[in-house]
Amino acid sequence: MDIPVFSDVEKAHEIIQKHAHRTPVLTSSGINKIVGGQLFFKCENLQKVGAFKFRGACNAVFSLSEEDAQKGVATHSSGNHAAALALAAKMRGVEAHIVMPDNSPEIKKKAVAGYGAKITFCQPTLEARESTLKKIIEETGATEIHPYNNFFVIAGQGTAAKELIEEKGAFDIILAPVGGGGLLSGTAISTKHLLPNCRVIAAEPAGADDAFRSFYAKKLIPSVNPKTIADGLLTSLGERNFKIIMEKVDDIFTVPEEEIVEAMRMIWERMKIIIEPSSAVPLAAILEGKIDIQNKKVGVILSGGNLDLGKLPF
């Protein structure tokens, strides 16, 4: 099982910087005052497709050989990865085959279709998603690009932390949310290479705590029936991701739903930017008092800003 190292993140950065946004790093003196530390938010909610996922998808698509690229790419996803892969494929001029559960949010279906992907709808079960994808790959010869358990995707996601550190220097702590572990594992690779003494900490909803349980059991525990408003963090950890997390991540904390909503609202109100619930999870862990950030310099990766404005939690 290939595991990327920092030189792979550097290579990914060279590939994607022509296509992806170098997202801004924002601060809020109001939030700093409330939490007692200096927070620097890496705004991946302002990335193309509205999420960090574009970095990994872009690296994966543009790393394919010409021969493989011509056969297209494929994945199953109901969310940000689907849109990210569709756009990256469009930019390279290759076909993207996306398997989506038929109960995916309308806004996500429209986004993926808008980027020109070929969508196949299936029953909303993992078994249906996987078997439908397998059939498409057999028929087309397309390369599967997994949303997180993929070498090039992980390396691409690591570019967000690389940019944050290059721009703002040393940090005491860097925080990221964790779902499948693509963002967290990439963040850990970059951070531990550039700042060996910086702590890498993940935050996860209490209602979808498989990463937390896996981390402390030191074995992969799948996510069963997760329930959280942070819909980007429902997936189980990938094997590659788990291996990197066990080696390079210092701690994982869980947070309750009401604190996620509170943190999301705080960022909307005080920073005037739109983030989705998944992005708010690290700040929620700080507000809960789970992480000691007093007088510390802390980087926070805001993972994305895609949500249904008709279903706001506040």
C-alpha atoms as a PDB file:
ATOM      1  CA  MET A   1       0.000   0.000   0.000  1.00  0.00           C
ATOM      2  CA  ASP A   2       1.643   3.208  -1.190  1.00  0.00           C
ATOM      3  CA  ILE A   3       1.688   6.032   1.335  1.00  0.00           C
ATOM      4  CA  PRO A   4       2.549   9.546   0.115  1.00  0.00           C
ATOM      5  CA  VAL A   5       5.396  11.539   1.683  1.00  0.00           C
ATOM      6  CA  PHE A   6       6.024  15.282   1.634  1.00  0.00           C
ATOM      7  CA  SER A   7       7.812  15.212  -1.729  1.00  0.00           C
ATOM      8  CA  ASP A   8       4.546  13.853  -3.191  1.00  0.00           C
ATOM      9  CA  VAL A   9       2.697  16.845  -1.700  1.00  0.00           C
ATOM     10  CA  GLU A  10       5.266  19.167  -3.312  1.00  0.00           C
ATOM     11  CA  LYS A  11       4.758  17.421  -6.655  1.00  0.00           C
ATOM     12  CA  ALA A  12       0.981  17.719  -6.232  1.00  0.00           C
ATOM     13  CA  HIS A  13       1.338  21.427  -5.501  1.00  0.00           C
ATOM     14  CA  GLU A  14       3.265  21.992  -8.734  1.00  0.00           C
ATOM     15  CA  ILE A  15       0.537  20.167 -10.673  1.00  0.00           C
ATOM     16  CA  ILE A  16      -2.517  21.823  -9.130  1.00  0.00           C
ATOM     17  CA  GLN A  17      -1.391  25.420  -8.683  1.00  0.00           C
ATOM     18  CA  LYS A  18      -2.241  26.175 -12.317  1.00  0.00           C
ATOM     19  CA  HIS A  19      -5.819  24.979 -11.709  1.00  0.00           C
ATOM     20  CA  ALA A  20      -6.739  25.435  -8.015  1.00  0.00           C
ATOM     21  CA  HIS A  21      -7.162  28.632  -5.990  1.00  0.00           C
ATOM     22  CA  ARG A  22      -4.534  29.540  -3.420  1.00  0.00           C
ATOM     23  CA  THR A  23      -7.197  30.198  -0.801  1.00  0.00           C
ATOM     24  CA  PRO A  24      -6.921  33.096   1.667  1.00  0.00           C
ATOM     25  CA  VAL A  25      -6.007  32.762   5.341  1.00  0.00           C
ATOM     26  CA  LEU A  26      -8.357  34.847   7.505  1.00  0.00           C
ATOM     27  CA  THR A  27      -8.343  35.817  11.175  1.00  0.00           C
ATOM     28  CA  SER A  28     -10.972  37.231  13.530  1.00  0.00           C
ATOM     29  CA  SER A  29      -9.924  39.351  16.495  1.00  0.00           C
ATOM     30  CA  GLY A  30     -13.395  38.758  17.970  1.00  0.00           C
ATOM     31  CA  ILE A  31     -13.051  34.977  17.875  1.00  0.00           C
ATOM     32  CA  ASN A  32      -9.445  35.180  19.149  1.00  0.00           C
ATOM     33  CA  LYS A  33     -10.674  37.152  22.155  1.00  0.00           C
ATOM     34  CA  ILE A  34     -13.369  34.570  22.931  1.00  0.00           C
ATOM     35  CA  VAL A  35     -11.016  31.555  22.705  1.00  0.00           C
ATOM     36  CA  GLY A  36      -7.827  33.099  24.127  1.00  0.00           C
ATOM     37  CA  GLY A  37      -5.534  32.064  21.271  1.00  0.00           C
ATOM     38  CA  GLN A  38      -4.546  33.213  17.786  1.00  0.00           C
ATOM     39  CA  LEU A  39      -6.547  31.368  15.122  1.00  0.00           C
ATOM     40  CA  PHE A  40      -5.665  31.395  11.428  1.00  0.00           C
ATOM     41  CA  PHE A  41      -8.406  29.982   9.183  1.00  0.00           C
ATOM     42  CA  LYS A  42      -7.376  28.434   5.845  1.00  0.00           C
ATOM     43  CA  CYS A  43     -10.502  29.110   3.789  1.00  0.00           C
ATOM     44  CA  GLU A  44     -11.071  26.057   1.601  1.00  0.00           C
ATOM     45  CA  ASN A  45     -14.744  27.098   1.508  1.00  0.00           C
ATOM     46  CA  LEU A  46     -13.448  29.550  -1.137  1.00  0.00           C
ATOM     47  CA  GLN A  47     -11.748  26.792  -3.166  1.00  0.00           C
ATOM     48  CA  LYS A  48     -13.137  25.753  -6.570  1.00  0.00           C
ATOM     49  CA  VAL A  49     -16.308  23.631  -6.101  1.00  0.00           C
ATOM     50  CA  GLY A  50     -16.444  25.160  -2.604  1.00  0.00           C
ATOM     51  CA  ALA A  51     -14.254  22.579  -0.858  1.00  0.00           C
ATOM     52  CA  PHE A  52     -10.701  21.296  -0.314  1.00  0.00           C
ATOM     53  CA  LYS A  53     -11.714  18.188  -2.314  1.00  0.00           C
ATOM     54  CA  PHE A  54     -10.770  19.936  -5.553  1.00  0.00           C
ATOM     55  CA  ARG A  55      -7.071  19.761  -4.588  1.00  0.00           C
ATOM     56  CA  GLY A  56      -6.998  15.971  -4.351  1.00  0.00           C
ATOM     57  CA  ALA A  57      -9.245  15.329  -7.351  1.00  0.00           C
ATOM     58  CA  CYS A  58      -7.226  17.738  -9.480  1.00  0.00           C
ATOM     59  CA  ASN A  59      -3.924  16.078  -8.546  1.00  0.00           C
ATOM     60  CA  ALA A  60      -5.343  12.604  -9.233  1.00  0.00           C
ATOM     61  CA  VAL A  61      -6.748  13.557 -12.663  1.00  0.00           C
ATOM     62  CA  PHE A  62      -3.688  15.493 -13.854  1.00  0.00           C
ATOM     63  CA  SER A  63      -1.305  12.759 -12.608  1.00  0.00           C
ATOM     64  CA  LEU A  64      -2.848  10.146 -14.951  1.00  0.00           C
ATOM     65  CA  SER A  65      -0.922   9.057 -18.035  1.00  0.00           C
ATOM     66  CA  GLU A  66      -2.354  10.259 -21.344  1.00  0.00           C
ATOM     67  CA  GLU A  67      -3.442   6.697 -22.157  1.00  0.00           C
ATOM     68  CA  ASP A  68      -5.302   6.225 -18.863  1.00  0.00           C
ATOM     69  CA  ALA A  69      -6.797   9.725 -18.938  1.00  0.00           C
ATOM     70  CA  GLN A  70      -8.430   9.073 -22.313  1.00  0.00           C
ATOM     71  CA  LYS A  71     -10.455   6.233 -20.755  1.00  0.00           C
ATOM     72  CA  GLY A  72     -11.855   8.663 -18.202  1.00  0.00           C
ATOM     73  CA  VAL A  73     -12.188   8.647 -14.416  1.00  0.00           C
ATOM     74  CA  ALA A  74     -14.905   7.272 -12.149  1.00  0.00           C
ATOM     75  CA  THR A  75     -16.055   7.415  -8.542  1.00  0.00           C
ATOM     76  CA  HIS A  76     -19.096   7.056  -6.314  1.00  0.00           C
ATOM     77  CA  SER A  77     -19.907  10.119  -4.254  1.00  0.00           C
ATOM     78  CA  SER A  78     -22.941  12.141  -3.269  1.00  0.00           C
ATOM     79  CA  GLY A  79     -20.997  15.213  -2.291  1.00  0.00           C
ATOM     80  CA  ASN A  80     -18.016  17.467  -2.783  1.00  0.00           C
ATOM     81  CA  HIS A  81     -15.723  14.802  -4.276  1.00  0.00           C
ATOM     82  CA  ALA A  82     -18.211  14.161  -7.083  1.00  0.00           C
ATOM     83  CA  ALA A  83     -18.203  17.847  -8.071  1.00  0.00           C
ATOM     84  CA  ALA A  84     -14.425  18.116  -7.630  1.00  0.00           C
ATOM     85  CA  LEU A  85     -13.703  15.112  -9.845  1.00  0.00           C
ATOM     86  CA  ALA A  86     -16.213  16.282 -12.466  1.00  0.00           C
ATOM     87  CA  LEU A  87     -14.569  19.718 -12.695  1.00  0.00           C
ATOM     88  CA  ALA A  88     -10.993  18.366 -12.721  1.00  0.00           C
ATOM     89  CA  ALA A  89     -11.926  15.928 -15.512  1.00  0.00           C
ATOM     90  CA  LYS A  90     -13.575  18.732 -17.482  1.00  0.00           C
ATOM     91  CA  MET A  91     -10.416  20.836 -17.154  1.00  0.00           C
ATOM     92  CA  ARG A  92      -8.295  17.992 -18.517  1.00  0.00           C
ATOM     93  CA  GLY A  93     -10.848  17.260 -21.238  1.00  0.00           C
ATOM     94  CA  VAL A  94     -11.627  13.711 -20.133  1.00  0.00           C
ATOM     95  CA  GLU A  95     -14.853  11.955 -19.158  1.00  0.00           C
ATOM     96  CA  ALA A  96     -15.968  11.669 -15.541  1.00  0.00           C
ATOM     97  CA  HIS A  97     -18.394   8.891 -14.566  1.00  0.00           C
ATOM     98  CA  ILE A  98     -20.052   9.618 -11.232  1.00  0.00           C
ATOM     99  CA  VAL A  99     -22.271   7.148  -9.378  1.00  0.00           C
ATOM    100  CA  MET A 100     -24.639   9.065  -7.079  1.00  0.00           C
ATOM    101  CA  PRO A 101     -27.304   7.740  -4.700  1.00  0.00           C
ATOM    102  CA  ASP A 102     -30.727   8.785  -6.001  1.00  0.00           C
ATOM    103  CA  ASN A 103     -31.456  10.581  -2.712  1.00  0.00           C
ATOM    104  CA  SER A 104     -28.455  12.934  -3.055  1.00  0.00           C
ATOM    105  CA  PRO A 105     -29.288  16.612  -2.454  1.00  0.00           C
ATOM    106  CA  GLU A 106     -30.620  18.316  -5.595  1.00  0.00           C
ATOM    107  CA  ILE A 107     -27.965  21.039  -5.296  1.00  0.00           C
ATOM    108  CA  LYS A 108     -25.221  18.374  -5.495  1.00  0.00           C
ATOM    109  CA  LYS A 109     -26.840  16.638  -8.494  1.00  0.00           C
ATOM    110  CA  LYS A 110     -27.041  19.975 -10.328  1.00  0.00           C
ATOM    111  CA  ALA A 111     -23.429  20.867  -9.551  1.00  0.00           C
ATOM    112  CA  VAL A 112     -22.074  17.546 -10.831  1.00  0.00           C
ATOM    113  CA  ALA A 113     -24.230  17.664 -13.960  1.00  0.00           C
ATOM    114  CA  GLY A 114     -23.190  21.293 -14.525  1.00  0.00           C
ATOM    115  CA  TYR A 115     -19.536  20.234 -14.737  1.00  0.00           C
ATOM    116  CA  GLY A 116     -20.429  17.828 -17.538  1.00  0.00           C
ATOM    117  CA  ALA A 117     -20.048  14.497 -15.714  1.00  0.00           C
ATOM    118  CA  LYS A 118     -21.977  11.388 -16.731  1.00  0.00           C
ATOM    119  CA  ILE A 119     -24.129  10.579 -13.711  1.00  0.00           C
ATOM    120  CA  THR A 120     -25.512   7.121 -12.949  1.00  0.00           C
ATOM    121  CA  PHE A 121     -28.031   7.057 -10.104  1.00  0.00           C
ATOM    122  CA  CYS A 122     -28.298   4.052  -7.780  1.00  0.00           C
ATOM    123  CA  GLN A 123     -29.977   2.917  -4.563  1.00  0.00           C
ATOM    124  CA  PRO A 124     -28.630   4.773  -1.494  1.00  0.00           C
ATOM    125  CA  THR A 125     -26.619   1.837  -0.121  1.00  0.00           C
ATOM    126  CA  LEU A 126     -22.868   1.299  -0.155  1.00  0.00           C
ATOM    127  CA  GLU A 127     -23.350  -2.075  -1.849  1.00  0.00           C
ATOM    128  CA  ALA A 128     -25.353  -0.460  -4.691  1.00  0.00           C
ATOM    129  CA  ARG A 129     -22.819   2.348  -5.078  1.00  0.00           C
ATOM    130  CA  GLU A 130     -19.877  -0.045  -5.267  1.00  0.00           C
ATOM    131  CA  SER A 131     -21.493  -2.577  -7.614  1.00  0.00           C
ATOM    132  CA  THR A 132     -22.718   0.175  -9.980  1.00  0.00           C
ATOM    133  CA  LEU A 133     -19.253   1.727 -10.058  1.00  0.00           C
ATOM    134  CA  LYS A 134     -17.619  -1.658 -10.696  1.00  0.00           C
ATOM    135  CA  LYS A 135     -19.889  -2.214 -13.703  1.00  0.00           C
ATOM    136  CA  ILE A 136     -19.066   1.215 -15.180  1.00  0.00           C
ATOM    137  CA  ILE A 137     -15.316   0.663 -14.749  1.00  0.00           C
ATOM    138  CA  GLU A 138     -15.572  -2.757 -16.430  1.00  0.00           C
ATOM    139  CA  GLU A 139     -17.447  -1.221 -19.368  1.00  0.00           C
ATOM    140  CA  THR A 140     -15.316   1.907 -19.843  1.00  0.00           C
ATOM    141  CA  GLY A 141     -11.854   1.094 -18.472  1.00  0.00           C
ATOM    142  CA  ALA A 142     -12.057   4.352 -16.478  1.00  0.00           C
ATOM    143  CA  THR A 143      -9.682   4.821 -13.516  1.00  0.00           C
ATOM    144  CA  GLU A 144     -11.359   4.831 -10.116  1.00  0.00           C
ATOM    145  CA  ILE A 145     -10.483   7.907  -8.066  1.00  0.00           C
ATOM    146  CA  HIS A 146     -11.466   7.143  -4.483  1.00  0.00           C
ATOM    147  CA  PRO A 147     -12.580  10.203  -2.457  1.00  0.00           C
ATOM    148  CA  TYR A 148      -9.910   9.731   0.245  1.00  0.00           C
ATOM    149  CA  ASN A 149      -8.203   6.299   0.210  1.00  0.00           C
ATOM    150  CA  ASN A 150      -6.086   7.281  -2.809  1.00  0.00           C
ATOM    151  CA  PHE A 151      -2.374   8.154  -2.983  1.00  0.00           C
ATOM    152  CA  PHE A 152      -2.759  11.206  -5.264  1.00  0.00           C
ATOM    153  CA  VAL A 153      -5.867  12.493  -3.473  1.00  0.00           C
ATOM    154  CA  ILE A 154      -4.073  12.457  -0.090  1.00  0.00           C
ATOM    155  CA  ALA A 155      -1.027  14.237  -1.571  1.00  0.00           C
ATOM    156  CA  GLY A 156      -3.304  16.864  -3.121  1.00  0.00           C
ATOM    157  CA  GLN A 157      -5.150  17.506   0.138  1.00  0.00           C
ATOM    158  CA  GLY A 158      -1.793  18.064   1.872  1.00  0.00           C
ATOM    159  CA  THR A 159      -1.241  21.202  -0.207  1.00  0.00           C
ATOM    160  CA  ALA A 160      -3.719  23.228   1.906  1.00  0.00           C
ATOM    161  CA  ALA A 161      -1.591  22.892   5.077  1.00  0.00           C
ATOM    162  CA  LYS A 162       1.576  23.449   3.017  1.00  0.00           C
ATOM    163  CA  GLU A 163       0.221  26.802   1.799  1.00  0.00           C
ATOM    164  CA  LEU A 164      -0.954  27.760   5.298  1.00  0.00           C
ATOM    165  CA  ILE A 165       2.500  27.137   6.817  1.00  0.00           C
ATOM    166  CA  GLU A 166       4.358  28.808   3.923  1.00  0.00           C
ATOM    167  CA  GLU A 167       2.200  31.896   4.343  1.00  0.00           C
ATOM    168  CA  LYS A 168       1.956  32.212   8.119  1.00  0.00           C
ATOM    169  CA  GLY A 169       5.088  30.476   9.457  1.00  0.00           C
ATOM    170  CA  ALA A 170       5.260  28.260  12.540  1.00  0.00           C
ATOM    171  CA  PHE A 171       2.185  27.043  14.442  1.00  0.00           C
ATOM    172  CA  ASP A 172       1.747  25.360  17.823  1.00  0.00           C
ATOM    173  CA  ILE A 173      -1.293  23.370  16.612  1.00  0.00           C
ATOM    174  CA  ILE A 174      -2.973  22.687  13.262  1.00  0.00           C
ATOM    175  CA  LEU A 175      -6.583  21.463  13.330  1.00  0.00           C
ATOM    176  CA  ALA A 176      -8.664  19.697  10.681  1.00  0.00           C
ATOM    177  CA  PRO A 177     -12.006  17.887  10.675  1.00  0.00           C
ATOM    178  CA  VAL A 178     -11.968  14.128   9.972  1.00  0.00           C
ATOM    179  CA  GLY A 179     -14.392  11.990   7.947  1.00  0.00           C
ATOM    180  CA  GLY A 180     -12.701   9.600   5.525  1.00  0.00           C
ATOM    181  CA  GLY A 181      -9.337  11.048   6.539  1.00  0.00           C
ATOM    182  CA  GLY A 182      -8.097  12.479   3.212  1.00  0.00           C
ATOM    183  CA  LEU A 183      -7.741  16.034   4.493  1.00  0.00           C
ATOM    184  CA  LEU A 184      -6.399  14.977   7.904  1.00  0.00           C
ATOM    185  CA  SER A 185      -3.773  12.578   6.531  1.00  0.00           C
ATOM    186  CA  GLY A 186      -2.581  15.114   3.930  1.00  0.00           C
ATOM    187  CA  THR A 187      -2.480  17.849   6.579  1.00  0.00           C
ATOM    188  CA  ALA A 188      -0.449  15.612   8.896  1.00  0.00           C
ATOM    189  CA  ILE A 189       2.109  14.768   6.167  1.00  0.00           C
ATOM    190  CA  SER A 190       2.760  18.447   5.385  1.00  0.00           C
ATOM    191  CA  THR A 191       2.685  19.674   8.972  1.00  0.00           C
ATOM    192  CA  LYS A 192       4.996  17.049  10.476  1.00  0.00           C
ATOM    193  CA  HIS A 193       7.522  17.545   7.667  1.00  0.00           C
ATOM    194  CA  LEU A 194       7.579  21.354   7.828  1.00  0.00           C
ATOM    195  CA  LEU A 195       6.935  21.780  11.577  1.00  0.00           C
ATOM    196  CA  PRO A 196       7.927  18.575  13.426  1.00  0.00           C
ATOM    197  CA  ASN A 197       6.980  20.048  16.832  1.00  0.00           C
ATOM    198  CA  CYS A 198       3.549  21.296  15.770  1.00  0.00           C
ATOM    199  CA  ARG A 199       0.657  19.210  17.095  1.00  0.00           C
ATOM    200  CA  VAL A 200      -1.811  17.897  14.518  1.00  0.00           C
ATOM    201  CA  ILE A 201      -5.265  17.476  16.047  1.00  0.00           C
ATOM    202  CA  ALA A 202      -8.510  16.307  14.450  1.00  0.00           C
ATOM    203  CA  ALA A 203     -12.091  17.001  15.472  1.00  0.00           C
ATOM    204  CA  GLU A 204     -15.057  14.769  14.740  1.00  0.00           C
ATOM    205  CA  PRO A 205     -18.794  14.812  15.514  1.00  0.00           C
ATOM    206  CA  ALA A 206     -19.725  12.664  18.528  1.00  0.00           C
ATOM    207  CA  GLY A 207     -22.460  11.086  16.403  1.00  0.00           C
ATOM    208  CA  ALA A 208     -19.937   9.898  13.795  1.00  0.00           C
ATOM    209  CA  ASP A 209     -16.924   9.055  15.950  1.00  0.00           C
ATOM    210  CA  ASP A 210     -15.305   6.130  14.098  1.00  0.00           C
ATOM    211  CA  ALA A 211     -11.955   7.960  13.672  1.00  0.00           C
ATOM    212  CA  PHE A 212     -11.853   8.750  17.399  1.00  0.00           C
ATOM    213  CA  ARG A 213     -12.641   5.126  18.303  1.00  0.00           C
ATOM    214  CA  SER A 214     -10.222   3.723  15.716  1.00  0.00           C
ATOM    215  CA  PHE A 215      -7.430   6.042  16.913  1.00  0.00           C
ATOM    216  CA  TYR A 216      -7.723   4.918  20.524  1.00  0.00           C
ATOM    217  CA  ALA A 217      -8.349   1.226  19.747  1.00  0.00           C
ATOM    218  CA  LYS A 218      -5.369   1.338  17.330  1.00  0.00           C
ATOM    219  CA  LYS A 219      -7.437  -0.617  14.814  1.00  0.00           C
ATOM    220  CA  LEU A 220      -9.835   0.429  12.081  1.00  0.00           C
ATOM    221  CA  ILE A 221     -13.430   0.535  13.356  1.00  0.00           C
ATOM    222  CA  PRO A 222     -15.970   1.251  10.599  1.00  0.00           C
ATOM    223  CA  SER A 223     -18.627   3.925  10.875  1.00  0.00           C
ATOM    224  CA  VAL A 224     -22.023   2.304  11.501  1.00  0.00           C
ATOM    225  CA  ASN A 225     -25.200   4.381  11.200  1.00  0.00           C
ATOM    226  CA  PRO A 226     -23.548   7.779  11.870  1.00  0.00           C
ATOM    227  CA  LYS A 227     -25.856  10.674  12.739  1.00  0.00           C
ATOM    228  CA  THR A 228     -24.620  14.249  12.456  1.00  0.00           C
ATOM    229  CA  ILE A 229     -25.433  17.566  10.837  1.00  0.00           C
ATOM    230  CA  ALA A 230     -21.835  17.514   9.490  1.00  0.00           C
ATOM    231  CA  ASP A 231     -22.733  15.477   6.410  1.00  0.00           C
ATOM    232  CA  GLY A 232     -19.214  15.680   4.983  1.00  0.00           C
ATOM    233  CA  LEU A 233     -17.911  13.579   7.896  1.00  0.00           C
ATOM    234  CA  LEU A 234     -20.177  10.519   7.687  1.00  0.00           C
ATOM    235  CA  THR A 235     -17.734   8.159   5.957  1.00  0.00           C
ATOM    236  CA  SER A 236     -15.470   5.541   7.526  1.00  0.00           C
ATOM    237  CA  LEU A 237     -11.707   6.105   7.549  1.00  0.00           C
ATOM    238  CA  GLY A 238      -9.733   4.733   4.598  1.00  0.00           C
ATOM    239  CA  GLU A 239      -6.920   2.222   5.235  1.00  0.00           C
ATOM    240  CA  ARG A 240      -4.161   4.447   3.845  1.00  0.00           C
ATOM    241  CA  ASN A 241      -5.551   7.401   5.766  1.00  0.00           C
ATOM    242  CA  PHE A 242      -5.703   5.440   9.020  1.00  0.00           C
ATOM    243  CA  LYS A 243      -2.068   4.345   8.686  1.00  0.00           C
ATOM    244  CA  ILE A 244      -0.910   7.964   8.242  1.00  0.00           C
ATOM    245  CA  ILE A 245      -3.172   9.181  11.065  1.00  0.00           C
ATOM    246  CA  MET A 246      -1.753   6.592  13.507  1.00  0.00           C
ATOM    247  CA  GLU A 247       1.795   7.672  12.607  1.00  0.00           C
ATOM    248  CA  LYS A 248       1.418  11.440  12.429  1.00  0.00           C
ATOM    249  CA  VAL A 249      -1.696  12.711  14.239  1.00  0.00           C
ATOM    250  CA  ASP A 250      -1.388  13.671  17.914  1.00  0.00           C
ATOM    251  CA  ASP A 251      -5.015  13.541  19.042  1.00  0.00           C
ATOM    252  CA  ILE A 252      -8.660  13.319  17.953  1.00  0.00           C
ATOM    253  CA  PHE A 253     -11.552  14.914  19.867  1.00  0.00           C
ATOM    254  CA  THR A 254     -15.315  14.601  19.452  1.00  0.00           C
ATOM    255  CA  VAL A 255     -17.889  17.364  19.743  1.00  0.00           C
ATOM    256  CA  PRO A 256     -21.693  17.436  20.247  1.00  0.00           C
ATOM    257  CA  GLU A 257     -24.109  18.671  17.586  1.00  0.00           C
ATOM    258  CA  GLU A 258     -25.143  21.853  19.403  1.00  0.00           C
ATOM    259  CA  GLU A 259     -21.497  22.967  19.621  1.00  0.00           C
ATOM    260  CA  ILE A 260     -21.038  22.384  15.860  1.00  0.00           C
ATOM    261  CA  VAL A 261     -24.035  24.636  15.162  1.00  0.00           C
ATOM    262  CA  GLU A 262     -22.715  27.247  17.603  1.00  0.00           C
ATOM    263  CA  ALA A 263     -19.255  27.265  15.961  1.00  0.00           C
ATOM    264  CA  MET A 264     -20.748  27.464  12.472  1.00  0.00           C
ATOM    265  CA  ARG A 265     -22.913  30.392  13.500  1.00  0.00           C
ATOM    266  CA  MET A 266     -19.933  32.156  15.093  1.00  0.00           C
ATOM    267  CA  ILE A 267     -17.932  31.986  11.848  1.00  0.00           C
ATOM    268  CA  TRP A 268     -20.903  33.169   9.748  1.00  0.00           C
ATOM    269  CA  GLU A 269     -21.633  36.088  12.092  1.00  0.00           C
ATOM    270  CA  ARG A 270     -18.139  37.224  12.977  1.00  0.00           C
ATOM    271  CA  MET A 271     -16.181  36.450   9.789  1.00  0.00           C
ATOM    272  CA  LYS A 272     -18.990  37.013   7.254  1.00  0.00           C
ATOM    273  CA  ILE A 273     -18.153  33.837   5.335  1.00  0.00           C
ATOM    274  CA  ILE A 274     -20.277  30.793   4.543  1.00  0.00           C
ATOM    275  CA  ILE A 275     -19.020  27.460   5.856  1.00  0.00           C
ATOM    276  CA  GLU A 276     -20.752  24.083   6.003  1.00  0.00           C
ATOM    277  CA  PRO A 277     -21.238  22.244   9.330  1.00  0.00           C
ATOM    278  CA  SER A 278     -18.225  19.932   8.725  1.00  0.00           C
ATOM    279  CA  SER A 279     -15.934  22.988   8.584  1.00  0.00           C
ATOM    280  CA  ALA A 280     -17.123  24.168  12.000  1.00  0.00           C
ATOM    281  CA  VAL A 281     -16.148  20.990  13.848  1.00  0.00           C
ATOM    282  CA  PRO A 282     -12.547  22.055  14.756  1.00  0.00           C
ATOM    283  CA  LEU A 283     -13.715  25.411  16.161  1.00  0.00           C
ATOM    284  CA  ALA A 284     -16.428  23.509  18.061  1.00  0.00           C
ATOM    285  CA  ALA A 285     -13.691  21.442  19.762  1.00  0.00           C
ATOM    286  CA  ILE A 286     -11.955  24.678  20.805  1.00  0.00           C
ATOM    287  CA  LEU A 287     -15.203  26.223  22.120  1.00  0.00           C
ATOM    288  CA  GLU A 288     -15.895  23.010  24.079  1.00  0.00           C
ATOM    289  CA  GLY A 289     -12.564  23.501  25.863  1.00  0.00           C
ATOM    290  CA  LYS A 290     -11.267  20.153  24.557  1.00  0.00           C
ATOM    291  CA  ILE A 291      -8.031  21.688  23.226  1.00  0.00           C
ATOM    292  CA  ASP A 292      -5.778  24.012  25.213  1.00  0.00           C
ATOM    293  CA  ILE A 293      -5.028  26.910  22.875  1.00  0.00           C
ATOM    294  CA  GLN A 294      -4.364  29.636  25.456  1.00  0.00           C
ATOM    295  CA  ASN A 295      -1.760  32.027  23.998  1.00  0.00           C
ATOM    296  CA  LYS A 296      -1.035  29.567  21.203  1.00  0.00           C
ATOM    297  CA  LYS A 297      -0.884  30.064  17.438  1.00  0.00           C
ATOM    298  CA  VAL A 298      -3.363  27.705  15.816  1.00  0.00           C
ATOM    299  CA  GLY A 299      -4.083  26.896  12.161  1.00  0.00           C
ATOM    300  CA  VAL A 300      -7.617  25.720  11.322  1.00  0.00           C
ATOM    301  CA  ILE A 301      -8.523  24.232   7.947  1.00  0.00           C
ATOM    302  CA  LEU A 302     -12.065  25.287   6.990  1.00  0.00           C
ATOM    303  CA  SER A 303     -12.897  22.337   4.760  1.00  0.00           C
ATOM    304  CA  GLY A 304     -15.787  23.682   2.671  1.00  0.00           C
ATOM    305  CA  GLY A 305     -18.829  25.878   2.230  1.00  0.00           C
ATOM    306  CA  ASN A 306     -21.403  23.732   0.428  1.00  0.00           C
ATOM    307  CA  LEU A 307     -24.756  23.475   2.124  1.00  0.00           C
ATOM    308  CA  ASP A 308     -28.445  23.784   1.419  1.00  0.00           C
ATOM    309  CA  LEU A 309     -29.387  27.344   2.410  1.00  0.00           C
ATOM    310  CA  GLY A 310     -32.996  26.195   2.780  1.00  0.00           C
ATOM    311  CA  LYS A 311     -31.976  23.939   5.670  1.00  0.00           C
ATOM    312  CA  LEU A 312     -29.850  26.128   7.911  1.00  0.00           C
ATOM    313  CA  PRO A 313     -29.524  24.802  11.488  1.00  0.00           C
ATOM    314  CA  PHE A 314     -29.969  28.251  13.054  1.00  0.00           C
END
